[in-house]
């Protein structure tokens, strides 16, 4: 088993655009998606670990180290970016903690995609955290009118976010 399998659940970001023959994605799209995903994961971890949320929601360095989104080499033939969440020293998150954070990440993504605000609220009861997580998902979703689609897959479940 690789460290990725032991330490965290696998995520997959599939970028596509109708009419694009070449499997390529602009760096700006890739950066905004990954930054938004990482921020959402950190904020969810902060909520799950019952930390006090300051008004500016600075992420503590121990949360940043325990829940690192890491990207692997894209798969040839399409723009699929495999990724995983890994915990690094000195304070490792347990596999259960990582799984709980990623299950919430997936649930919030699906609830936002289907516009179920009450479901988002059930995952994230703290209003301050919820607003910041929703903001992070807005960042990771394709920009309106860009033509991009993002299929976010986790454990066999896929949530499609498009430019609407």
C-alpha atoms as a PDB file:
ATOM      1  CA  UNK A   1       0.000   0.000   0.000  1.00  0.00           C
ATOM      2  CA  UNK A   2       1.300   3.445  -0.850  1.00  0.00           C
ATOM      3  CA  UNK A   3       1.415   6.250   1.690  1.00  0.00           C
ATOM      4  CA  UNK A   4      -1.477   7.884  -0.155  1.00  0.00           C
ATOM      5  CA  UNK A   5      -3.718   4.852   0.332  1.00  0.00           C
ATOM      6  CA  UNK A   6      -2.833   4.594   3.998  1.00  0.00           C
ATOM      7  CA  UNK A   7      -3.043   8.293   4.821  1.00  0.00           C
ATOM      8  CA  UNK A   8      -6.014   9.578   2.930  1.00  0.00           C
ATOM      9  CA  UNK A   9      -8.888   9.075   0.627  1.00  0.00           C
ATOM     10  CA  UNK A  10      -8.471   9.650  -3.058  1.00  0.00           C
ATOM     11  CA  UNK A  11     -10.021  12.557  -4.886  1.00  0.00           C
ATOM     12  CA  UNK A  12     -10.131  13.129  -8.613  1.00  0.00           C
ATOM     13  CA  UNK A  13     -10.549  16.414 -10.438  1.00  0.00           C
ATOM     14  CA  UNK A  14     -11.638  15.965 -14.077  1.00  0.00           C
ATOM     15  CA  UNK A  15     -11.601  19.149 -16.138  1.00  0.00           C
ATOM     16  CA  UNK A  16     -13.422  19.257 -19.454  1.00  0.00           C
ATOM     17  CA  UNK A  17     -14.672  21.794 -21.931  1.00  0.00           C
ATOM     18  CA  UNK A  18     -17.008  21.069 -24.810  1.00  0.00           C
ATOM     19  CA  UNK A  19     -15.180  21.315 -28.121  1.00  0.00           C
ATOM     20  CA  UNK A  20     -11.654  21.156 -26.666  1.00  0.00           C
ATOM     21  CA  UNK A  21      -9.730  18.520 -28.610  1.00  0.00           C
ATOM     22  CA  UNK A  22      -6.591  18.784 -26.501  1.00  0.00           C
ATOM     23  CA  UNK A  23      -6.531  17.583 -22.867  1.00  0.00           C
ATOM     24  CA  UNK A  24      -5.195  20.792 -21.336  1.00  0.00           C
ATOM     25  CA  UNK A  25      -6.472  23.188 -18.712  1.00  0.00           C
ATOM     26  CA  UNK A  26      -5.334  26.779 -18.070  1.00  0.00           C
ATOM     27  CA  UNK A  27      -3.078  27.158 -15.035  1.00  0.00           C
ATOM     28  CA  UNK A  28      -5.435  29.804 -13.636  1.00  0.00           C
ATOM     29  CA  UNK A  29      -8.354  27.326 -13.651  1.00  0.00           C
ATOM     30  CA  UNK A  30      -6.214  24.621 -12.065  1.00  0.00           C
ATOM     31  CA  UNK A  31      -4.870  26.964  -9.372  1.00  0.00           C
ATOM     32  CA  UNK A  32      -8.267  28.372  -8.387  1.00  0.00           C
ATOM     33  CA  UNK A  33      -9.755  24.867  -8.181  1.00  0.00           C
ATOM     34  CA  UNK A  34      -6.965  23.420  -6.057  1.00  0.00           C
ATOM     35  CA  UNK A  35      -6.762  26.465  -3.772  1.00  0.00           C
ATOM     36  CA  UNK A  36     -10.538  26.369  -3.240  1.00  0.00           C
ATOM     37  CA  UNK A  37     -10.511  22.619  -2.562  1.00  0.00           C
ATOM     38  CA  UNK A  38      -7.624  22.885  -0.096  1.00  0.00           C
ATOM     39  CA  UNK A  39      -9.259  25.793   1.732  1.00  0.00           C
ATOM     40  CA  UNK A  40     -12.606  23.938   1.950  1.00  0.00           C
ATOM     41  CA  UNK A  41     -10.837  20.840   3.348  1.00  0.00           C
ATOM     42  CA  UNK A  42      -8.988  22.916   5.959  1.00  0.00           C
ATOM     43  CA  UNK A  43     -12.135  24.759   7.024  1.00  0.00           C
ATOM     44  CA  UNK A  44     -14.116  21.519   7.321  1.00  0.00           C
ATOM     45  CA  UNK A  45     -11.271  19.999   9.360  1.00  0.00           C
ATOM     46  CA  UNK A  46     -11.324  23.080  11.604  1.00  0.00           C
ATOM     47  CA  UNK A  47     -15.066  22.615  12.148  1.00  0.00           C
ATOM     48  CA  UNK A  48     -14.725  18.852  12.756  1.00  0.00           C
ATOM     49  CA  UNK A  49     -11.957  19.348  15.288  1.00  0.00           C
ATOM     50  CA  UNK A  50     -14.175  21.849  17.150  1.00  0.00           C
ATOM     51  CA  UNK A  51     -11.604  24.636  17.002  1.00  0.00           C
ATOM     52  CA  UNK A  52     -12.632  28.185  17.726  1.00  0.00           C
ATOM     53  CA  UNK A  53     -13.080  30.085  14.502  1.00  0.00           C
ATOM     54  CA  UNK A  54     -11.685  33.570  14.565  1.00  0.00           C
ATOM     55  CA  UNK A  55     -13.478  36.161  12.476  1.00  0.00           C
ATOM     56  CA  UNK A  56     -10.782  36.021   9.775  1.00  0.00           C
ATOM     57  CA  UNK A  57     -10.640  32.182   9.886  1.00  0.00           C
ATOM     58  CA  UNK A  58      -6.883  31.881   9.768  1.00  0.00           C
ATOM     59  CA  UNK A  59      -6.166  28.186   9.451  1.00  0.00           C
ATOM     60  CA  UNK A  60      -3.861  26.940  12.240  1.00  0.00           C
ATOM     61  CA  UNK A  61      -0.619  25.416  10.963  1.00  0.00           C
ATOM     62  CA  UNK A  62      -1.396  22.065  12.634  1.00  0.00           C
ATOM     63  CA  UNK A  63      -4.614  21.787  10.559  1.00  0.00           C
ATOM     64  CA  UNK A  64      -2.645  22.744   7.416  1.00  0.00           C
ATOM     65  CA  UNK A  65      -0.151  19.947   8.117  1.00  0.00           C
ATOM     66  CA  UNK A  66      -2.761  17.337   9.076  1.00  0.00           C
ATOM     67  CA  UNK A  67      -4.946  17.808   5.983  1.00  0.00           C
ATOM     68  CA  UNK A  68      -2.690  18.459   2.976  1.00  0.00           C
ATOM     69  CA  UNK A  69      -4.224  18.085  -0.475  1.00  0.00           C
ATOM     70  CA  UNK A  70      -1.556  16.508  -2.678  1.00  0.00           C
ATOM     71  CA  UNK A  71      -1.715  16.112  -6.439  1.00  0.00           C
ATOM     72  CA  UNK A  72      -0.366  13.238  -8.454  1.00  0.00           C
ATOM     73  CA  UNK A  73       0.642  13.095 -12.123  1.00  0.00           C
ATOM     74  CA  UNK A  74      -2.377  13.750 -14.404  1.00  0.00           C
ATOM     75  CA  UNK A  75      -3.677  10.713 -16.270  1.00  0.00           C
ATOM     76  CA  UNK A  76      -2.779  10.619 -19.971  1.00  0.00           C
ATOM     77  CA  UNK A  77      -5.525  11.069 -22.548  1.00  0.00           C
ATOM     78  CA  UNK A  78      -7.700  13.424 -20.518  1.00  0.00           C
ATOM     79  CA  UNK A  79      -7.256  16.117 -17.958  1.00  0.00           C
ATOM     80  CA  UNK A  80      -7.804  14.051 -14.862  1.00  0.00           C
ATOM     81  CA  UNK A  81      -5.842  15.117 -11.818  1.00  0.00           C
ATOM     82  CA  UNK A  82      -5.678  12.434  -9.119  1.00  0.00           C
ATOM     83  CA  UNK A  83      -5.165  13.770  -5.602  1.00  0.00           C
ATOM     84  CA  UNK A  84      -5.285  12.635  -1.999  1.00  0.00           C
ATOM     85  CA  UNK A  85      -5.234  14.108   1.475  1.00  0.00           C
ATOM     86  CA  UNK A  86      -2.184  13.252   3.519  1.00  0.00           C
ATOM     87  CA  UNK A  87      -1.292  14.021   7.097  1.00  0.00           C
ATOM     88  CA  UNK A  88       2.301  14.983   7.881  1.00  0.00           C
ATOM     89  CA  UNK A  89       4.246  15.180  11.127  1.00  0.00           C
ATOM     90  CA  UNK A  90       4.317  16.235  13.894  1.00  0.00           C
ATOM     91  CA  UNK A  91       0.612  15.590  14.681  1.00  0.00           C
ATOM     92  CA  UNK A  92      -0.940  13.088  12.295  1.00  0.00           C
ATOM     93  CA  UNK A  93      -4.665  13.009  11.702  1.00  0.00           C
ATOM     94  CA  UNK A  94      -6.182   9.549  11.971  1.00  0.00           C
ATOM     95  CA  UNK A  95      -7.589   7.876   8.871  1.00  0.00           C
ATOM     96  CA  UNK A  96     -11.050   8.231  10.441  1.00  0.00           C
ATOM     97  CA  UNK A  97     -10.537  11.990  10.865  1.00  0.00           C
ATOM     98  CA  UNK A  98      -9.412  12.363   7.246  1.00  0.00           C
ATOM     99  CA  UNK A  99     -12.338  10.221   6.050  1.00  0.00           C
ATOM    100  CA  UNK A 100     -14.822  12.296   8.061  1.00  0.00           C
ATOM    101  CA  UNK A 101     -13.466  15.539   6.594  1.00  0.00           C
ATOM    102  CA  UNK A 102     -13.577  14.168   3.037  1.00  0.00           C
ATOM    103  CA  UNK A 103     -17.071  12.706   3.499  1.00  0.00           C
ATOM    104  CA  UNK A 104     -18.220  16.158   4.594  1.00  0.00           C
ATOM    105  CA  UNK A 105     -16.369  17.741   1.632  1.00  0.00           C
ATOM    106  CA  UNK A 106     -18.200  15.376  -0.735  1.00  0.00           C
ATOM    107  CA  UNK A 107     -21.571  15.892   0.977  1.00  0.00           C
ATOM    108  CA  UNK A 108     -21.262  19.678   0.907  1.00  0.00           C
ATOM    109  CA  UNK A 109     -20.213  19.594  -2.782  1.00  0.00           C
ATOM    110  CA  UNK A 110     -23.265  17.502  -3.691  1.00  0.00           C
ATOM    111  CA  UNK A 111     -25.612  19.643  -1.584  1.00  0.00           C
ATOM    112  CA  UNK A 112     -24.296  22.873  -3.140  1.00  0.00           C
ATOM    113  CA  UNK A 113     -24.576  21.429  -6.639  1.00  0.00           C
ATOM    114  CA  UNK A 114     -28.231  20.522  -6.009  1.00  0.00           C
ATOM    115  CA  UNK A 115     -28.840  23.798  -4.112  1.00  0.00           C
ATOM    116  CA  UNK A 116     -29.872  22.122  -0.842  1.00  0.00           C
ATOM    117  CA  UNK A 117     -28.958  24.779   1.706  1.00  0.00           C
ATOM    118  CA  UNK A 118     -30.485  22.868   4.610  1.00  0.00           C
ATOM    119  CA  UNK A 119     -28.229  19.883   3.862  1.00  0.00           C
ATOM    120  CA  UNK A 120     -25.159  22.154   3.769  1.00  0.00           C
ATOM    121  CA  UNK A 121     -26.262  23.557   7.142  1.00  0.00           C
ATOM    122  CA  UNK A 122     -26.629  20.034   8.567  1.00  0.00           C
ATOM    123  CA  UNK A 123     -23.011  19.259   7.588  1.00  0.00           C
ATOM    124  CA  UNK A 124     -21.726  22.615   8.839  1.00  0.00           C
ATOM    125  CA  UNK A 125     -23.915  24.001  11.646  1.00  0.00           C
ATOM    126  CA  UNK A 126     -21.473  26.849  12.445  1.00  0.00           C
ATOM    127  CA  UNK A 127     -22.562  29.791  10.263  1.00  0.00           C
ATOM    128  CA  UNK A 128     -19.093  31.407  10.138  1.00  0.00           C
ATOM    129  CA  UNK A 129     -17.443  28.200   8.914  1.00  0.00           C
ATOM    130  CA  UNK A 130     -20.313  27.422   6.538  1.00  0.00           C
ATOM    131  CA  UNK A 131     -19.987  30.818   4.810  1.00  0.00           C
ATOM    132  CA  UNK A 132     -16.249  30.330   4.351  1.00  0.00           C
ATOM    133  CA  UNK A 133     -16.643  26.765   3.050  1.00  0.00           C
ATOM    134  CA  UNK A 134     -19.294  27.910   0.550  1.00  0.00           C
ATOM    135  CA  UNK A 135     -16.877  30.666  -0.531  1.00  0.00           C
ATOM    136  CA  UNK A 136     -14.121  28.081  -1.016  1.00  0.00           C
ATOM    137  CA  UNK A 137     -16.458  25.938  -3.171  1.00  0.00           C
ATOM    138  CA  UNK A 138     -17.348  29.029  -5.234  1.00  0.00           C
ATOM    139  CA  UNK A 139     -13.614  29.494  -5.810  1.00  0.00           C
ATOM    140  CA  UNK A 140     -13.045  25.887  -6.863  1.00  0.00           C
ATOM    141  CA  UNK A 141     -16.046  25.772  -9.221  1.00  0.00           C
ATOM    142  CA  UNK A 142     -15.534  26.914 -12.829  1.00  0.00           C
ATOM    143  CA  UNK A 143     -16.083  30.639 -13.350  1.00  0.00           C
ATOM    144  CA  UNK A 144     -19.463  31.590 -14.892  1.00  0.00           C
ATOM    145  CA  UNK A 145     -19.306  31.675 -18.688  1.00  0.00           C
ATOM    146  CA  UNK A 146     -15.886  29.978 -18.847  1.00  0.00           C
ATOM    147  CA  UNK A 147     -17.212  26.845 -20.555  1.00  0.00           C
ATOM    148  CA  UNK A 148     -15.334  24.614 -18.102  1.00  0.00           C
ATOM    149  CA  UNK A 149     -16.794  21.649 -16.249  1.00  0.00           C
ATOM    150  CA  UNK A 150     -15.274  20.060 -13.197  1.00  0.00           C
ATOM    151  CA  UNK A 151     -16.191  16.525 -12.184  1.00  0.00           C
ATOM    152  CA  UNK A 152     -15.140  16.054  -8.585  1.00  0.00           C
ATOM    153  CA  UNK A 153     -14.951  12.357  -7.692  1.00  0.00           C
ATOM    154  CA  UNK A 154     -14.463  10.815  -4.275  1.00  0.00           C
ATOM    155  CA  UNK A 155     -14.910   7.122  -3.518  1.00  0.00           C
ATOM    156  CA  UNK A 156     -17.009   6.377  -6.580  1.00  0.00           C
ATOM    157  CA  UNK A 157     -19.290   9.402  -6.209  1.00  0.00           C
ATOM    158  CA  UNK A 158     -19.005  12.211  -8.757  1.00  0.00           C
ATOM    159  CA  UNK A 159     -20.323  15.744  -8.414  1.00  0.00           C
ATOM    160  CA  UNK A 160     -20.335  17.865 -11.577  1.00  0.00           C
ATOM    161  CA  UNK A 161     -19.729  21.573 -11.228  1.00  0.00           C
ATOM    162  CA  UNK A 162     -20.089  23.625 -14.360  1.00  0.00           C
ATOM    163  CA  UNK A 163     -19.876  27.289 -15.271  1.00  0.00           C
ATOM    164  CA  UNK A 164     -23.494  28.104 -14.323  1.00  0.00           C
END
